[in-house]
Amino acid sequence: MNLDITWLEDASLEDADALLPPEVIAQEIVEDLEAALREFAAIAEALGTVTKAEATDG
């Protein structure tokens, strides 16, 4: 079995100057994680496993 996945390389990542600054990437990650946490908290609340206050205590 050959697990060579070099064909999956993203050519756009080779030019470091074209990448977003690390602080922008970090902020986008934080925003995505916060949105995901809100969604999971809403699901947990709907299932009755946690109260709204518990879900937002973080």
PDB file of N, CA and C in Angstrom:
ATOM      1  N   MET A   1       0.837  -1.160   0.000  1.00  0.00           N
ATOM      2  CA  MET A   1       0.000   0.000   0.000  1.00  0.00           C
ATOM      3  C   MET A   1       0.898   1.245   0.000  1.00  0.00           C
ATOM      4  N   ASN A   2       0.635   2.152  -0.916  1.00  0.00           N
ATOM      5  CA  ASN A   2       1.403   3.385  -1.015  1.00  0.00           C
ATOM      6  C   ASN A   2       0.601   4.526  -0.408  1.00  0.00           C
ATOM      7  N   LEU A   3       1.150   5.160   0.613  1.00  0.00           N
ATOM      8  CA  LEU A   3       0.475   6.270   1.269  1.00  0.00           C
ATOM      9  C   LEU A   3       1.040   7.617   0.828  1.00  0.00           C
ATOM     10  N   ASP A   4       1.643   7.661  -0.327  1.00  0.00           N
ATOM     11  CA  ASP A   4       2.228   8.893  -0.849  1.00  0.00           C
ATOM     12  C   ASP A   4       1.101   9.847  -1.248  1.00  0.00           C
ATOM     13  N   ILE A   5       1.021  10.988  -0.552  1.00  0.00           N
ATOM     14  CA  ILE A   5      -0.043  11.949  -0.849  1.00  0.00           C
ATOM     15  C   ILE A   5       0.531  13.295  -1.316  1.00  0.00           C
ATOM     16  N   THR A   6       1.704  13.250  -1.927  1.00  0.00           N
ATOM     17  CA  THR A   6       2.326  14.497  -2.370  1.00  0.00           C
ATOM     18  C   THR A   6       1.487  15.216  -3.406  1.00  0.00           C
ATOM     19  N   TRP A   7       0.623  14.511  -4.111  1.00  0.00           N
ATOM     20  CA  TRP A   7      -0.236  15.149  -5.100  1.00  0.00           C
ATOM     21  C   TRP A   7      -1.274  16.051  -4.453  1.00  0.00           C
ATOM     22  N   LEU A   8      -1.415  16.000  -3.117  1.00  0.00           N
ATOM     23  CA  LEU A   8      -2.367  16.856  -2.408  1.00  0.00           C
ATOM     24  C   LEU A   8      -1.777  18.216  -2.045  1.00  0.00           C
ATOM     25  N   GLU A   9      -0.547  18.442  -2.405  1.00  0.00           N
ATOM     26  CA  GLU A   9       0.094  19.700  -2.045  1.00  0.00           C
ATOM     27  C   GLU A   9      -0.667  20.879  -2.633  1.00  0.00           C
ATOM     28  N   ASP A  10      -0.748  21.941  -1.838  1.00  0.00           N
ATOM     29  CA  ASP A  10      -1.424  23.165  -2.260  1.00  0.00           C
ATOM     30  C   ASP A  10      -0.357  24.143  -2.742  1.00  0.00           C
ATOM     31  N   ALA A  11      -0.302  24.384  -4.034  1.00  0.00           N
ATOM     32  CA  ALA A  11       0.723  25.256  -4.611  1.00  0.00           C
ATOM     33  C   ALA A  11       0.635  26.674  -4.067  1.00  0.00           C
ATOM     34  N   SER A  12      -0.547  27.106  -3.659  1.00  0.00           N
ATOM     35  CA  SER A  12      -0.692  28.468  -3.146  1.00  0.00           C
ATOM     36  C   SER A  12       0.035  28.661  -1.825  1.00  0.00           C
ATOM     37  N   LEU A  13       0.343  27.579  -1.127  1.00  0.00           N
ATOM     38  CA  LEU A  13       1.042  27.686   0.152  1.00  0.00           C
ATOM     39  C   LEU A  13       2.549  27.822  -0.012  1.00  0.00           C
ATOM     40  N   GLU A  14       3.034  27.683  -1.209  1.00  0.00           N
ATOM     41  CA  GLU A  14       4.475  27.772  -1.432  1.00  0.00           C
ATOM     42  C   GLU A  14       4.981  29.206  -1.391  1.00  0.00           C
ATOM     43  N   ASP A  15       4.108  30.170  -1.668  1.00  0.00           N
ATOM     44  CA  ASP A  15       4.495  31.572  -1.655  1.00  0.00           C
ATOM     45  C   ASP A  15       4.075  32.183  -0.321  1.00  0.00           C
ATOM     46  N   ALA A  16       5.003  32.237   0.624  1.00  0.00           N
ATOM     47  CA  ALA A  16       4.700  32.729   1.964  1.00  0.00           C
ATOM     48  C   ALA A  16       4.216  34.173   1.945  1.00  0.00           C
ATOM     49  N   ASP A  17       4.627  34.950   0.963  1.00  0.00           N
ATOM     50  CA  ASP A  17       4.204  36.341   0.889  1.00  0.00           C
ATOM     51  C   ASP A  17       2.720  36.468   0.548  1.00  0.00           C
ATOM     52  N   ALA A  18       2.141  35.429  -0.020  1.00  0.00           N
ATOM     53  CA  ALA A  18       0.735  35.457  -0.403  1.00  0.00           C
ATOM     54  C   ALA A  18      -0.181  35.051   0.753  1.00  0.00           C
ATOM     55  N   LEU A  19       0.384  34.539   1.825  1.00  0.00           N
ATOM     56  CA  LEU A  19      -0.413  34.106   2.967  1.00  0.00           C
ATOM     57  C   LEU A  19      -0.873  35.297   3.797  1.00  0.00           C
ATOM     58  N   LEU A  20      -1.994  35.122   4.492  1.00  0.00           N
ATOM     59  CA  LEU A  20      -2.465  36.145   5.407  1.00  0.00           C
ATOM     60  C   LEU A  20      -1.505  36.240   6.591  1.00  0.00           C
ATOM     61  N   PRO A  21      -1.438  37.409   7.216  1.00  0.00           N
ATOM     62  CA  PRO A  21      -0.577  37.540   8.402  1.00  0.00           C
ATOM     63  C   PRO A  21      -1.063  36.612   9.521  1.00  0.00           C
ATOM     64  N   PRO A  22      -0.149  36.119  10.358  1.00  0.00           N
ATOM     65  CA  PRO A  22      -0.527  35.186  11.422  1.00  0.00           C
ATOM     66  C   PRO A  22      -1.630  35.715  12.335  1.00  0.00           C
ATOM     67  N   GLU A  23      -1.625  37.003  12.635  1.00  0.00           N
ATOM     68  CA  GLU A  23      -2.654  37.547  13.529  1.00  0.00           C
ATOM     69  C   GLU A  23      -4.043  37.487  12.891  1.00  0.00           C
ATOM     70  N   VAL A  24      -4.118  37.611  11.576  1.00  0.00           N
ATOM     71  CA  VAL A  24      -5.397  37.498  10.869  1.00  0.00           C
ATOM     72  C   VAL A  24      -5.864  36.048  10.880  1.00  0.00           C
ATOM     73  N   ILE A  25      -4.952  35.139  10.629  1.00  0.00           N
ATOM     74  CA  ILE A  25      -5.288  33.712  10.659  1.00  0.00           C
ATOM     75  C   ILE A  25      -5.758  33.325  12.051  1.00  0.00           C
ATOM     76  N   ALA A  26      -5.050  33.782  13.078  1.00  0.00           N
ATOM     77  CA  ALA A  26      -5.413  33.465  14.460  1.00  0.00           C
ATOM     78  C   ALA A  26      -6.798  34.010  14.792  1.00  0.00           C
ATOM     79  N   GLN A  27      -7.101  35.228  14.375  1.00  0.00           N
ATOM     80  CA  GLN A  27      -8.405  35.817  14.653  1.00  0.00           C
ATOM     81  C   GLN A  27      -9.521  35.038  13.946  1.00  0.00           C
ATOM     82  N   GLU A  28      -9.266  34.615  12.730  1.00  0.00           N
ATOM     83  CA  GLU A  28     -10.262  33.822  11.998  1.00  0.00           C
ATOM     84  C   GLU A  28     -10.509  32.486  12.700  1.00  0.00           C
ATOM     85  N   ILE A  29      -9.453  31.877  13.215  1.00  0.00           N
ATOM     86  CA  ILE A  29      -9.602  30.616  13.946  1.00  0.00           C
ATOM     87  C   ILE A  29     -10.435  30.835  15.205  1.00  0.00           C
ATOM     88  N   VAL A  30     -10.144  31.906  15.942  1.00  0.00           N
ATOM     89  CA  VAL A  30     -10.901  32.213  17.156  1.00  0.00           C
ATOM     90  C   VAL A  30     -12.376  32.417  16.824  1.00  0.00           C
ATOM     91  N   GLU A  31     -12.662  33.170  15.780  1.00  0.00           N
ATOM     92  CA  GLU A  31     -14.046  33.418  15.386  1.00  0.00           C
ATOM     93  C   GLU A  31     -14.751  32.125  14.995  1.00  0.00           C
ATOM     94  N   ASP A  32     -14.075  31.260  14.252  1.00  0.00           N
ATOM     95  CA  ASP A  32     -14.664  29.979  13.857  1.00  0.00           C
ATOM     96  C   ASP A  32     -14.941  29.097  15.077  1.00  0.00           C
ATOM     97  N   LEU A  33     -13.999  29.062  16.017  1.00  0.00           N
ATOM     98  CA  LEU A  33     -14.189  28.241  17.209  1.00  0.00           C
ATOM     99  C   LEU A  33     -15.309  28.782  18.093  1.00  0.00           C
ATOM    100  N   GLU A  34     -15.401  30.101  18.221  1.00  0.00           N
ATOM    101  CA  GLU A  34     -16.476  30.696  19.013  1.00  0.00           C
ATOM    102  C   GLU A  34     -17.835  30.397  18.392  1.00  0.00           C
ATOM    103  N   ALA A  35     -17.926  30.468  17.076  1.00  0.00           N
ATOM    104  CA  ALA A  35     -19.179  30.160  16.384  1.00  0.00           C
ATOM    105  C   ALA A  35     -19.551  28.698  16.589  1.00  0.00           C
ATOM    106  N   ALA A  36     -18.563  27.807  16.491  1.00  0.00           N
ATOM    107  CA  ALA A  36     -18.821  26.383  16.695  1.00  0.00           C
ATOM    108  C   ALA A  36     -19.280  26.119  18.128  1.00  0.00           C
ATOM    109  N   LEU A  37     -18.662  26.787  19.092  1.00  0.00           N
ATOM    110  CA  LEU A  37     -19.046  26.600  20.490  1.00  0.00           C
ATOM    111  C   LEU A  37     -20.478  27.066  20.724  1.00  0.00           C
ATOM    112  N   ARG A  38     -20.862  28.193  20.128  1.00  0.00           N
ATOM    113  CA  ARG A  38     -22.243  28.671  20.249  1.00  0.00           C
ATOM    114  C   ARG A  38     -23.222  27.651  19.667  1.00  0.00           C
ATOM    115  N   GLU A  39     -22.862  27.063  18.537  1.00  0.00           N
ATOM    116  CA  GLU A  39     -23.731  26.068  17.913  1.00  0.00           C
ATOM    117  C   GLU A  39     -23.868  24.822  18.789  1.00  0.00           C
ATOM    118  N   PHE A  40     -22.755  24.340  19.329  1.00  0.00           N
ATOM    119  CA  PHE A  40     -22.820  23.168  20.199  1.00  0.00           C
ATOM    120  C   PHE A  40     -23.579  23.479  21.479  1.00  0.00           C
ATOM    121  N   ALA A  41     -23.415  24.671  22.028  1.00  0.00           N
ATOM    122  CA  ALA A  41     -24.143  25.055  23.229  1.00  0.00           C
ATOM    123  C   ALA A  41     -25.642  25.096  22.954  1.00  0.00           C
ATOM    124  N   ALA A  42     -26.043  25.583  21.792  1.00  0.00           N
ATOM    125  CA  ALA A  42     -27.455  25.623  21.430  1.00  0.00           C
ATOM    126  C   ALA A  42     -28.014  24.211  21.301  1.00  0.00           C
ATOM    127  N   ILE A  43     -27.228  23.309  20.734  1.00  0.00           N
ATOM    128  CA  ILE A  43     -27.665  21.915  20.609  1.00  0.00           C
ATOM    129  C   ILE A  43     -27.817  21.292  21.992  1.00  0.00           C
ATOM    130  N   ALA A  44     -26.823  21.502  22.840  1.00  0.00           N
ATOM    131  CA  ALA A  44     -26.874  20.942  24.194  1.00  0.00           C
ATOM    132  C   ALA A  44     -28.066  21.503  24.960  1.00  0.00           C
ATOM    133  N   GLU A  45     -28.327  22.791  24.807  1.00  0.00           N
ATOM    134  CA  GLU A  45     -29.468  23.408  25.477  1.00  0.00           C
ATOM    135  C   GLU A  45     -30.774  22.811  24.953  1.00  0.00           C
ATOM    136  N   ALA A  46     -30.876  22.630  23.645  1.00  0.00           N
ATOM    137  CA  ALA A  46     -32.081  22.052  23.049  1.00  0.00           C
ATOM    138  C   ALA A  46     -32.307  20.621  23.534  1.00  0.00           C
ATOM    139  N   LEU A  47     -31.227  19.912  23.779  1.00  0.00           N
ATOM    140  CA  LEU A  47     -31.332  18.544  24.277  1.00  0.00           C
ATOM    141  C   LEU A  47     -31.604  18.497  25.772  1.00  0.00           C
ATOM    142  N   GLY A  48     -31.494  19.670  26.419  1.00  0.00           N
ATOM    143  CA  GLY A  48     -31.753  19.738  27.846  1.00  0.00           C
ATOM    144  C   GLY A  48     -30.595  19.279  28.697  1.00  0.00           C
ATOM    145  N   THR A  49     -29.410  19.174  28.107  1.00  0.00           N
ATOM    146  CA  THR A  49     -28.266  18.682  28.871  1.00  0.00           C
ATOM    147  C   THR A  49     -27.582  19.784  29.670  1.00  0.00           C
ATOM    148  N   VAL A  50     -27.726  21.027  29.239  1.00  0.00           N
ATOM    149  CA  VAL A  50     -27.171  22.154  29.981  1.00  0.00           C
ATOM    150  C   VAL A  50     -28.153  23.318  29.903  1.00  0.00           C
ATOM    151  N   THR A  51     -28.066  24.194  30.896  1.00  0.00           N
ATOM    152  CA  THR A  51     -28.883  25.398  30.847  1.00  0.00           C
ATOM    153  C   THR A  51     -28.161  26.451  30.035  1.00  0.00           C
ATOM    154  N   LYS A  52     -28.875  27.492  29.637  1.00  0.00           N
ATOM    155  CA  LYS A  52     -28.253  28.556  28.856  1.00  0.00           C
ATOM    156  C   LYS A  52     -27.106  29.196  29.636  1.00  0.00           C
ATOM    157  N   ALA A  53     -27.262  29.387  30.922  1.00  0.00           N
ATOM    158  CA  ALA A  53     -26.214  29.984  31.747  1.00  0.00           C
ATOM    159  C   ALA A  53     -24.970  29.106  31.760  1.00  0.00           C
ATOM    160  N   GLU A  54     -25.143  27.803  31.885  1.00  0.00           N
ATOM    161  CA  GLU A  54     -23.999  26.886  31.875  1.00  0.00           C
ATOM    162  C   GLU A  54     -23.306  26.914  30.524  1.00  0.00           C
ATOM    163  N   ALA A  55     -24.069  27.021  29.449  1.00  0.00           N
ATOM    164  CA  ALA A  55     -23.514  27.002  28.108  1.00  0.00           C
ATOM    165  C   ALA A  55     -22.680  28.236  27.833  1.00  0.00           C
ATOM    166  N   THR A  56     -22.989  29.351  28.449  1.00  0.00           N
ATOM    167  CA  THR A  56     -22.261  30.589  28.178  1.00  0.00           C
ATOM    168  C   THR A  56     -21.190  30.892  29.200  1.00  0.00           C
ATOM    169  N   ASP A  57     -21.070  30.093  30.255  1.00  0.00           N
ATOM    170  CA  ASP A  57     -20.047  30.324  31.270  1.00  0.00           C
ATOM    171  C   ASP A  57     -18.647  30.090  30.743  1.00  0.00           C
ATOM    172  N   GLY A  58     -18.500  29.274  29.704  1.00  0.00           N
ATOM    173  CA  GLY A  58     -17.235  29.029  29.031  1.00  0.00           C
ATOM    174  C   GLY A  58     -16.220  28.478  29.917  1.00  0.00           C
TER     175      GLY A  58
END
